[in-house]
Amino acid sequence: MRPAGWRRARAPSGASARTDLWTLVAAERGALADDLTDLTPDQWATRSLCPDWTVRDVVAHLTAAASTSPGSFVGQFAKARFDFDT
């Protein structure tokens, strides 16, 4: 049961919302880069909370979308037989 007066938040739409979104994305990417700047080689090689993944693997996964086009992503995913674990 939802509290009285509860309303589902609506995402802003239009060009202004896209600009706001990309401004936020750029800020978050910058903050992540700042957090990673001073990592030592040992810290990059540290095992993460994801089984068998290092910090380097997780960062590569998080940032891959910034350098992969939608077409390339789908092509690579198809090549892996639509299996994320490949």
PDB file of N, CA and C in Angstrom:
ATOM      1  N   MET A   1       0.843  -1.173   0.000  1.00  0.00           N
ATOM      2  CA  MET A   1       0.000   0.000   0.000  1.00  0.00           C
ATOM      3  C   MET A   1       0.892   1.241   0.000  1.00  0.00           C
ATOM      4  N   ARG A   2       0.540   2.188  -0.835  1.00  0.00           N
ATOM      5  CA  ARG A   2       1.319   3.415  -0.940  1.00  0.00           C
ATOM      6  C   ARG A   2       0.762   4.472  -0.007  1.00  0.00           C
ATOM      7  N   PRO A   3       1.647   5.342   0.513  1.00  0.00           N
ATOM      8  CA  PRO A   3       1.187   6.403   1.399  1.00  0.00           C
ATOM      9  C   PRO A   3       0.243   7.362   0.662  1.00  0.00           C
ATOM     10  N   ALA A   4      -0.621   8.001   1.407  1.00  0.00           N
ATOM     11  CA  ALA A   4      -1.544   8.977   0.830  1.00  0.00           C
ATOM     12  C   ALA A   4      -0.749  10.061   0.128  1.00  0.00           C
ATOM     13  N   GLY A   5      -1.192  10.441  -1.045  1.00  0.00           N
ATOM     14  CA  GLY A   5      -0.537  11.495  -1.789  1.00  0.00           C
ATOM     15  C   GLY A   5       0.678  11.039  -2.585  1.00  0.00           C
ATOM     16  N   TRP A   6       0.968   9.731  -2.553  1.00  0.00           N
ATOM     17  CA  TRP A   6       2.118   9.210  -3.275  1.00  0.00           C
ATOM     18  C   TRP A   6       1.869   9.305  -4.763  1.00  0.00           C
ATOM     19  N   ARG A   7       2.879   9.731  -5.486  1.00  0.00           N
ATOM     20  CA  ARG A   7       2.796   9.781  -6.943  1.00  0.00           C
ATOM     21  C   ARG A   7       4.102   9.253  -7.504  1.00  0.00           C
ATOM     22  N   ARG A   8       4.005   8.537  -8.589  1.00  0.00           N
ATOM     23  CA  ARG A   8       5.202   8.043  -9.263  1.00  0.00           C
ATOM     24  C   ARG A   8       5.946   9.236  -9.861  1.00  0.00           C
ATOM     25  N   ALA A   9       7.236   9.284  -9.642  1.00  0.00           N
ATOM     26  CA  ALA A   9       8.037  10.377 -10.201  1.00  0.00           C
ATOM     27  C   ALA A   9       8.077  10.225 -11.714  1.00  0.00           C
ATOM     28  N   ARG A  10       7.949  11.318 -12.404  1.00  0.00           N
ATOM     29  CA  ARG A  10       8.020  11.300 -13.862  1.00  0.00           C
ATOM     30  C   ARG A  10       9.377  11.840 -14.294  1.00  0.00           C
ATOM     31  N   ALA A  11       9.977  11.127 -15.207  1.00  0.00           N
ATOM     32  CA  ALA A  11      11.255  11.589 -15.743  1.00  0.00           C
ATOM     33  C   ALA A  11      11.008  12.807 -16.611  1.00  0.00           C
ATOM     34  N   PRO A  12      11.845  13.808 -16.488  1.00  0.00           N
ATOM     35  CA  PRO A  12      11.689  14.959 -17.365  1.00  0.00           C
ATOM     36  C   PRO A  12      11.876  14.524 -18.814  1.00  0.00           C
ATOM     37  N   SER A  13      11.260  15.232 -19.729  1.00  0.00           N
ATOM     38  CA  SER A  13      11.397  14.860 -21.131  1.00  0.00           C
ATOM     39  C   SER A  13      11.845  16.065 -21.940  1.00  0.00           C
ATOM     40  N   GLY A  14      12.232  15.794 -23.163  1.00  0.00           N
ATOM     41  CA  GLY A  14      12.624  16.865 -24.052  1.00  0.00           C
ATOM     42  C   GLY A  14      14.112  17.130 -24.036  1.00  0.00           C
ATOM     43  N   ALA A  15      14.501  18.113 -24.839  1.00  0.00           N
ATOM     44  CA  ALA A  15      15.918  18.446 -25.001  1.00  0.00           C
ATOM     45  C   ALA A  15      16.559  18.861 -23.692  1.00  0.00           C
ATOM     46  N   SER A  16      15.847  19.613 -22.878  1.00  0.00           N
ATOM     47  CA  SER A  16      16.403  20.068 -21.602  1.00  0.00           C
ATOM     48  C   SER A  16      16.741  18.885 -20.700  1.00  0.00           C
ATOM     49  N   ALA A  17      15.862  17.890 -20.668  1.00  0.00           N
ATOM     50  CA  ALA A  17      16.109  16.711 -19.833  1.00  0.00           C
ATOM     51  C   ALA A  17      17.327  15.949 -20.333  1.00  0.00           C
ATOM     52  N   ARG A  18      17.486  15.826 -21.661  1.00  0.00           N
ATOM     53  CA  ARG A  18      18.655  15.134 -22.200  1.00  0.00           C
ATOM     54  C   ARG A  18      19.934  15.891 -21.857  1.00  0.00           C
ATOM     55  N   THR A  19      19.887  17.204 -21.930  1.00  0.00           N
ATOM     56  CA  THR A  19      21.050  18.014 -21.572  1.00  0.00           C
ATOM     57  C   THR A  19      21.383  17.824 -20.102  1.00  0.00           C
ATOM     58  N   ASP A  20      20.364  17.852 -19.250  1.00  0.00           N
ATOM     59  CA  ASP A  20      20.585  17.635 -17.818  1.00  0.00           C
ATOM     60  C   ASP A  20      21.179  16.262 -17.560  1.00  0.00           C
ATOM     61  N   LEU A  21      20.679  15.254 -18.260  1.00  0.00           N
ATOM     62  CA  LEU A  21      21.173  13.892 -18.091  1.00  0.00           C
ATOM     63  C   LEU A  21      22.647  13.805 -18.479  1.00  0.00           C
ATOM     64  N   TRP A  22      23.015  14.356 -19.632  1.00  0.00           N
ATOM     65  CA  TRP A  22      24.395  14.259 -20.079  1.00  0.00           C
ATOM     66  C   TRP A  22      25.327  15.103 -19.224  1.00  0.00           C
ATOM     67  N   THR A  23      24.828  16.181 -18.668  1.00  0.00           N
ATOM     68  CA  THR A  23      25.626  16.967 -17.724  1.00  0.00           C
ATOM     69  C   THR A  23      25.921  16.127 -16.482  1.00  0.00           C
ATOM     70  N   LEU A  24      24.915  15.424 -15.995  1.00  0.00           N
ATOM     71  CA  LEU A  24      25.085  14.540 -14.836  1.00  0.00           C
ATOM     72  C   LEU A  24      26.038  13.389 -15.168  1.00  0.00           C
ATOM     73  N   VAL A  25      25.870  12.776 -16.344  1.00  0.00           N
ATOM     74  CA  VAL A  25      26.752  11.679 -16.750  1.00  0.00           C
ATOM     75  C   VAL A  25      28.209  12.159 -16.791  1.00  0.00           C
ATOM     76  N   ALA A  26      28.439  13.327 -17.388  1.00  0.00           N
ATOM     77  CA  ALA A  26      29.803  13.873 -17.464  1.00  0.00           C
ATOM     78  C   ALA A  26      30.379  14.114 -16.074  1.00  0.00           C
ATOM     79  N   ALA A  27      29.566  14.632 -15.170  1.00  0.00           N
ATOM     80  CA  ALA A  27      30.033  14.884 -13.802  1.00  0.00           C
ATOM     81  C   ALA A  27      30.377  13.576 -13.099  1.00  0.00           C
ATOM     82  N   GLU A  28      29.555  12.565 -13.269  1.00  0.00           N
ATOM     83  CA  GLU A  28      29.812  11.271 -12.621  1.00  0.00           C
ATOM     84  C   GLU A  28      31.048  10.602 -13.201  1.00  0.00           C
ATOM     85  N   ARG A  29      31.215  10.693 -14.515  1.00  0.00           N
ATOM     86  CA  ARG A  29      32.426  10.133 -15.131  1.00  0.00           C
ATOM     87  C   ARG A  29      33.669  10.843 -14.603  1.00  0.00           C
ATOM     88  N   GLY A  30      33.597  12.150 -14.461  1.00  0.00           N
ATOM     89  CA  GLY A  30      34.719  12.906 -13.916  1.00  0.00           C
ATOM     90  C   GLY A  30      35.028  12.509 -12.488  1.00  0.00           C
ATOM     91  N   ALA A  31      33.978  12.325 -11.688  1.00  0.00           N
ATOM     92  CA  ALA A  31      34.170  11.919 -10.294  1.00  0.00           C
ATOM     93  C   ALA A  31      34.796  10.528 -10.217  1.00  0.00           C
ATOM     94  N   LEU A  32      34.356   9.622 -11.085  1.00  0.00           N
ATOM     95  CA  LEU A  32      34.947   8.277 -11.109  1.00  0.00           C
ATOM     96  C   LEU A  32      36.421   8.360 -11.493  1.00  0.00           C
ATOM     97  N   ALA A  33      36.733   9.147 -12.509  1.00  0.00           N
ATOM     98  CA  ALA A  33      38.138   9.314 -12.921  1.00  0.00           C
ATOM     99  C   ALA A  33      38.967   9.864 -11.778  1.00  0.00           C
ATOM    100  N   ASP A  34      38.429  10.840 -11.050  1.00  0.00           N
ATOM    101  CA  ASP A  34      39.145  11.399  -9.901  1.00  0.00           C
ATOM    102  C   ASP A  34      39.409  10.334  -8.844  1.00  0.00           C
ATOM    103  N   ASP A  35      38.405   9.480  -8.602  1.00  0.00           N
ATOM    104  CA  ASP A  35      38.557   8.422  -7.596  1.00  0.00           C
ATOM    105  C   ASP A  35      39.621   7.400  -7.994  1.00  0.00           C
ATOM    106  N   LEU A  36      39.798   7.201  -9.294  1.00  0.00           N
ATOM    107  CA  LEU A  36      40.701   6.162  -9.773  1.00  0.00           C
ATOM    108  C   LEU A  36      42.116   6.652 -10.050  1.00  0.00           C
ATOM    109  N   THR A  37      42.293   7.948 -10.110  1.00  0.00           N
ATOM    110  CA  THR A  37      43.564   8.545 -10.511  1.00  0.00           C
ATOM    111  C   THR A  37      44.760   8.038  -9.724  1.00  0.00           C
ATOM    112  N   ASP A  38      44.630   7.912  -8.431  1.00  0.00           N
ATOM    113  CA  ASP A  38      45.776   7.585  -7.587  1.00  0.00           C
ATOM    114  C   ASP A  38      45.883   6.107  -7.212  1.00  0.00           C
ATOM    115  N   LEU A  39      45.123   5.236  -7.886  1.00  0.00           N
ATOM    116  CA  LEU A  39      45.225   3.812  -7.561  1.00  0.00           C
ATOM    117  C   LEU A  39      46.597   3.279  -7.971  1.00  0.00           C
ATOM    118  N   THR A  40      47.156   2.453  -7.122  1.00  0.00           N
ATOM    119  CA  THR A  40      48.436   1.813  -7.408  1.00  0.00           C
ATOM    120  C   THR A  40      48.182   0.572  -8.276  1.00  0.00           C
ATOM    121  N   PRO A  41      49.228   0.041  -8.900  1.00  0.00           N
ATOM    122  CA  PRO A  41      49.048  -1.202  -9.657  1.00  0.00           C
ATOM    123  C   PRO A  41      48.451  -2.333  -8.814  1.00  0.00           C
ATOM    124  N   ASP A  42      48.860  -2.417  -7.554  1.00  0.00           N
ATOM    125  CA  ASP A  42      48.291  -3.447  -6.675  1.00  0.00           C
ATOM    126  C   ASP A  42      46.797  -3.219  -6.433  1.00  0.00           C
ATOM    127  N   GLN A  43      46.396  -1.970  -6.287  1.00  0.00           N
ATOM    128  CA  GLN A  43      44.979  -1.681  -6.082  1.00  0.00           C
ATOM    129  C   GLN A  43      44.168  -2.006  -7.336  1.00  0.00           C
ATOM    130  N   TRP A  44      44.708  -1.705  -8.517  1.00  0.00           N
ATOM    131  CA  TRP A  44      44.016  -2.054  -9.765  1.00  0.00           C
ATOM    132  C   TRP A  44      43.843  -3.569  -9.878  1.00  0.00           C
ATOM    133  N   ALA A  45      44.797  -4.326  -9.367  1.00  0.00           N
ATOM    134  CA  ALA A  45      44.767  -5.789  -9.464  1.00  0.00           C
ATOM    135  C   ALA A  45      43.989  -6.447  -8.329  1.00  0.00           C
ATOM    136  N   THR A  46      43.495  -5.657  -7.377  1.00  0.00           N
ATOM    137  CA  THR A  46      42.758  -6.193  -6.233  1.00  0.00           C
ATOM    138  C   THR A  46      41.458  -6.842  -6.687  1.00  0.00           C
ATOM    139  N   ARG A  47      41.145  -7.967  -6.087  1.00  0.00           N
ATOM    140  CA  ARG A  47      39.878  -8.649  -6.390  1.00  0.00           C
ATOM    141  C   ARG A  47      38.727  -7.772  -5.917  1.00  0.00           C
ATOM    142  N   SER A  48      37.684  -7.706  -6.721  1.00  0.00           N
ATOM    143  CA  SER A  48      36.505  -6.914  -6.374  1.00  0.00           C
ATOM    144  C   SER A  48      35.485  -7.817  -5.681  1.00  0.00           C
ATOM    145  N   LEU A  49      34.318  -7.276  -5.424  1.00  0.00           N
ATOM    146  CA  LEU A  49      33.238  -8.071  -4.843  1.00  0.00           C
ATOM    147  C   LEU A  49      32.592  -8.990  -5.884  1.00  0.00           C
ATOM    148  N   CYS A  50      32.895  -8.766  -7.157  1.00  0.00           N
ATOM    149  CA  CYS A  50      32.402  -9.634  -8.236  1.00  0.00           C
ATOM    150  C   CYS A  50      33.367 -10.807  -8.364  1.00  0.00           C
ATOM    151  N   PRO A  51      32.874 -12.024  -8.249  1.00  0.00           N
ATOM    152  CA  PRO A  51      33.774 -13.180  -8.313  1.00  0.00           C
ATOM    153  C   PRO A  51      34.637 -13.158  -9.577  1.00  0.00           C
ATOM    154  N   ASP A  52      35.927 -13.382  -9.398  1.00  0.00           N
ATOM    155  CA  ASP A  52      36.909 -13.467 -10.472  1.00  0.00           C
ATOM    156  C   ASP A  52      37.181 -12.154 -11.202  1.00  0.00           C
ATOM    157  N   TRP A  53      36.682 -11.031 -10.703  1.00  0.00           N
ATOM    158  CA  TRP A  53      36.931  -9.736 -11.346  1.00  0.00           C
ATOM    159  C   TRP A  53      37.824  -8.881 -10.459  1.00  0.00           C
ATOM    160  N   THR A  54      38.787  -8.225 -11.086  1.00  0.00           N
ATOM    161  CA  THR A  54      39.622  -7.264 -10.377  1.00  0.00           C
ATOM    162  C   THR A  54      38.967  -5.885 -10.454  1.00  0.00           C
ATOM    163  N   VAL A  55      39.543  -4.940  -9.742  1.00  0.00           N
ATOM    164  CA  VAL A  55      39.065  -3.559  -9.838  1.00  0.00           C
ATOM    165  C   VAL A  55      39.176  -3.100 -11.296  1.00  0.00           C
ATOM    166  N   ARG A  56      40.256  -3.438 -11.976  1.00  0.00           N
ATOM    167  CA  ARG A  56      40.441  -3.074 -13.384  1.00  0.00           C
ATOM    168  C   ARG A  56      39.300  -3.630 -14.241  1.00  0.00           C
ATOM    169  N   ASP A  57      38.913  -4.887 -14.019  1.00  0.00           N
ATOM    170  CA  ASP A  57      37.822  -5.500 -14.783  1.00  0.00           C
ATOM    171  C   ASP A  57      36.505  -4.759 -14.571  1.00  0.00           C
ATOM    172  N   VAL A  58      36.220  -4.404 -13.328  1.00  0.00           N
ATOM    173  CA  VAL A  58      34.967  -3.701 -13.017  1.00  0.00           C
ATOM    174  C   VAL A  58      34.949  -2.325 -13.681  1.00  0.00           C
ATOM    175  N   VAL A  59      36.047  -1.602 -13.597  1.00  0.00           N
ATOM    176  CA  VAL A  59      36.116  -0.272 -14.214  1.00  0.00           C
ATOM    177  C   VAL A  59      35.959  -0.393 -15.733  1.00  0.00           C
ATOM    178  N   ALA A  60      36.596  -1.382 -16.332  1.00  0.00           N
ATOM    179  CA  ALA A  60      36.450  -1.585 -17.775  1.00  0.00           C
ATOM    180  C   ALA A  60      34.988  -1.847 -18.123  1.00  0.00           C
ATOM    181  N   HIS A  61      34.333  -2.643 -17.330  1.00  0.00           N
ATOM    182  CA  HIS A  61      32.917  -2.944 -17.557  1.00  0.00           C
ATOM    183  C   HIS A  61      32.055  -1.682 -17.427  1.00  0.00           C
ATOM    184  N   LEU A  62      32.319  -0.901 -16.393  1.00  0.00           N
ATOM    185  CA  LEU A  62      31.521   0.309 -16.160  1.00  0.00           C
ATOM    186  C   LEU A  62      31.714   1.362 -17.246  1.00  0.00           C
ATOM    187  N   THR A  63      32.901   1.415 -17.809  1.00  0.00           N
ATOM    188  CA  THR A  63      33.201   2.474 -18.766  1.00  0.00           C
ATOM    189  C   THR A  63      33.087   2.037 -20.224  1.00  0.00           C
ATOM    190  N   ALA A  64      32.846   0.772 -20.483  1.00  0.00           N
ATOM    191  CA  ALA A  64      32.781   0.273 -21.863  1.00  0.00           C
ATOM    192  C   ALA A  64      31.708   0.983 -22.681  1.00  0.00           C
ATOM    193  N   ALA A  65      30.611   1.317 -22.073  1.00  0.00           N
ATOM    194  CA  ALA A  65      29.518   1.957 -22.813  1.00  0.00           C
ATOM    195  C   ALA A  65      29.934   3.310 -23.390  1.00  0.00           C
ATOM    196  N   ALA A  66      30.895   3.956 -22.783  1.00  0.00           N
ATOM    197  CA  ALA A  66      31.341   5.264 -23.271  1.00  0.00           C
ATOM    198  C   ALA A  66      32.103   5.145 -24.585  1.00  0.00           C
ATOM    199  N   SER A  67      32.595   3.963 -24.905  1.00  0.00           N
ATOM    200  CA  SER A  67      33.376   3.796 -26.133  1.00  0.00           C
ATOM    201  C   SER A  67      32.791   2.755 -27.080  1.00  0.00           C
ATOM    202  N   THR A  68      31.585   2.287 -26.800  1.00  0.00           N
ATOM    203  CA  THR A  68      30.948   1.267 -27.625  1.00  0.00           C
ATOM    204  C   THR A  68      29.659   1.812 -28.200  1.00  0.00           C
ATOM    205  N   SER A  69      29.520   1.729 -29.503  1.00  0.00           N
ATOM    206  CA  SER A  69      28.275   2.177 -30.133  1.00  0.00           C
ATOM    207  C   SER A  69      27.196   1.109 -29.940  1.00  0.00           C
ATOM    208  N   PRO A  70      25.932   1.489 -30.039  1.00  0.00           N
ATOM    209  CA  PRO A  70      24.865   0.481 -29.916  1.00  0.00           C
ATOM    210  C   PRO A  70      25.032  -0.663 -30.922  1.00  0.00           C
ATOM    211  N   GLY A  71      25.392  -0.331 -32.166  1.00  0.00           N
ATOM    212  CA  GLY A  71      25.566  -1.379 -33.176  1.00  0.00           C
ATOM    213  C   GLY A  71      26.680  -2.336 -32.827  1.00  0.00           C
ATOM    214  N   SER A  72      27.792  -1.781 -32.351  1.00  0.00           N
ATOM    215  CA  SER A  72      28.918  -2.614 -31.947  1.00  0.00           C
ATOM    216  C   SER A  72      28.544  -3.508 -30.769  1.00  0.00           C
ATOM    217  N   PHE A  73      27.807  -2.941 -29.802  1.00  0.00           N
ATOM    218  CA  PHE A  73      27.384  -3.727 -28.644  1.00  0.00           C
ATOM    219  C   PHE A  73      26.540  -4.915 -29.086  1.00  0.00           C
ATOM    220  N   VAL A  74      25.552  -4.655 -29.934  1.00  0.00           N
ATOM    221  CA  VAL A  74      24.664  -5.735 -30.384  1.00  0.00           C
ATOM    222  C   VAL A  74      25.452  -6.764 -31.183  1.00  0.00           C
ATOM    223  N   GLY A  75      26.360  -6.290 -32.031  1.00  0.00           N
ATOM    224  CA  GLY A  75      27.178  -7.217 -32.806  1.00  0.00           C
ATOM    225  C   GLY A  75      28.032  -8.116 -31.928  1.00  0.00           C
ATOM    226  N   GLN A  76      28.688  -7.526 -30.943  1.00  0.00           N
ATOM    227  CA  GLN A  76      29.508  -8.318 -30.019  1.00  0.00           C
ATOM    228  C   GLN A  76      28.660  -9.268 -29.184  1.00  0.00           C
ATOM    229  N   PHE A  77      27.481  -8.799 -28.797  1.00  0.00           N
ATOM    230  CA  PHE A  77      26.568  -9.636 -28.002  1.00  0.00           C
ATOM    231  C   PHE A  77      26.091 -10.818 -28.838  1.00  0.00           C
ATOM    232  N   ALA A  78      25.762 -10.586 -30.106  1.00  0.00           N
ATOM    233  CA  ALA A  78      25.346 -11.667 -31.002  1.00  0.00           C
ATOM    234  C   ALA A  78      26.495 -12.657 -31.201  1.00  0.00           C
ATOM    235  N   LYS A  79      27.703 -12.117 -31.356  1.00  0.00           N
ATOM    236  CA  LYS A  79      28.888 -12.962 -31.525  1.00  0.00           C
ATOM    237  C   LYS A  79      29.086 -13.882 -30.315  1.00  0.00           C
ATOM    238  N   ALA A  80      28.695 -13.392 -29.138  1.00  0.00           N
ATOM    239  CA  ALA A  80      28.798 -14.190 -27.903  1.00  0.00           C
ATOM    240  C   ALA A  80      27.556 -15.051 -27.692  1.00  0.00           C
ATOM    241  N   ARG A  81      26.727 -15.170 -28.754  1.00  0.00           N
ATOM    242  CA  ARG A  81      25.481 -15.951 -28.697  1.00  0.00           C
ATOM    243  C   ARG A  81      24.540 -15.447 -27.622  1.00  0.00           C
ATOM    244  N   PHE A  82      24.538 -14.130 -27.460  1.00  0.00           N
ATOM    245  CA  PHE A  82      23.663 -13.442 -26.507  1.00  0.00           C
ATOM    246  C   PHE A  82      23.842 -13.955 -25.084  1.00  0.00           C
ATOM    247  N   ASP A  83      25.072 -14.294 -24.764  1.00  0.00           N
ATOM    248  CA  ASP A  83      25.424 -14.806 -23.438  1.00  0.00           C
ATOM    249  C   ASP A  83      26.391 -13.829 -22.784  1.00  0.00           C
ATOM    250  N   PHE A  84      25.925 -13.117 -21.742  1.00  0.00           N
ATOM    251  CA  PHE A  84      26.778 -12.149 -21.061  1.00  0.00           C
ATOM    252  C   PHE A  84      27.951 -12.802 -20.352  1.00  0.00           C
ATOM    253  N   ASP A  85      27.866 -14.083 -20.075  1.00  0.00           N
ATOM    254  CA  ASP A  85      28.928 -14.766 -19.337  1.00  0.00           C
ATOM    255  C   ASP A  85      30.032 -15.294 -20.229  1.00  0.00           C
ATOM    256  N   THR A  86      29.953 -15.041 -21.531  1.00  0.00           N
ATOM    257  CA  THR A  86      30.961 -15.551 -22.455  1.00  0.00           C
ATOM    258  C   THR A  86      32.189 -14.685 -22.425  1.00  0.00           C
TER     259      THR A  86
END
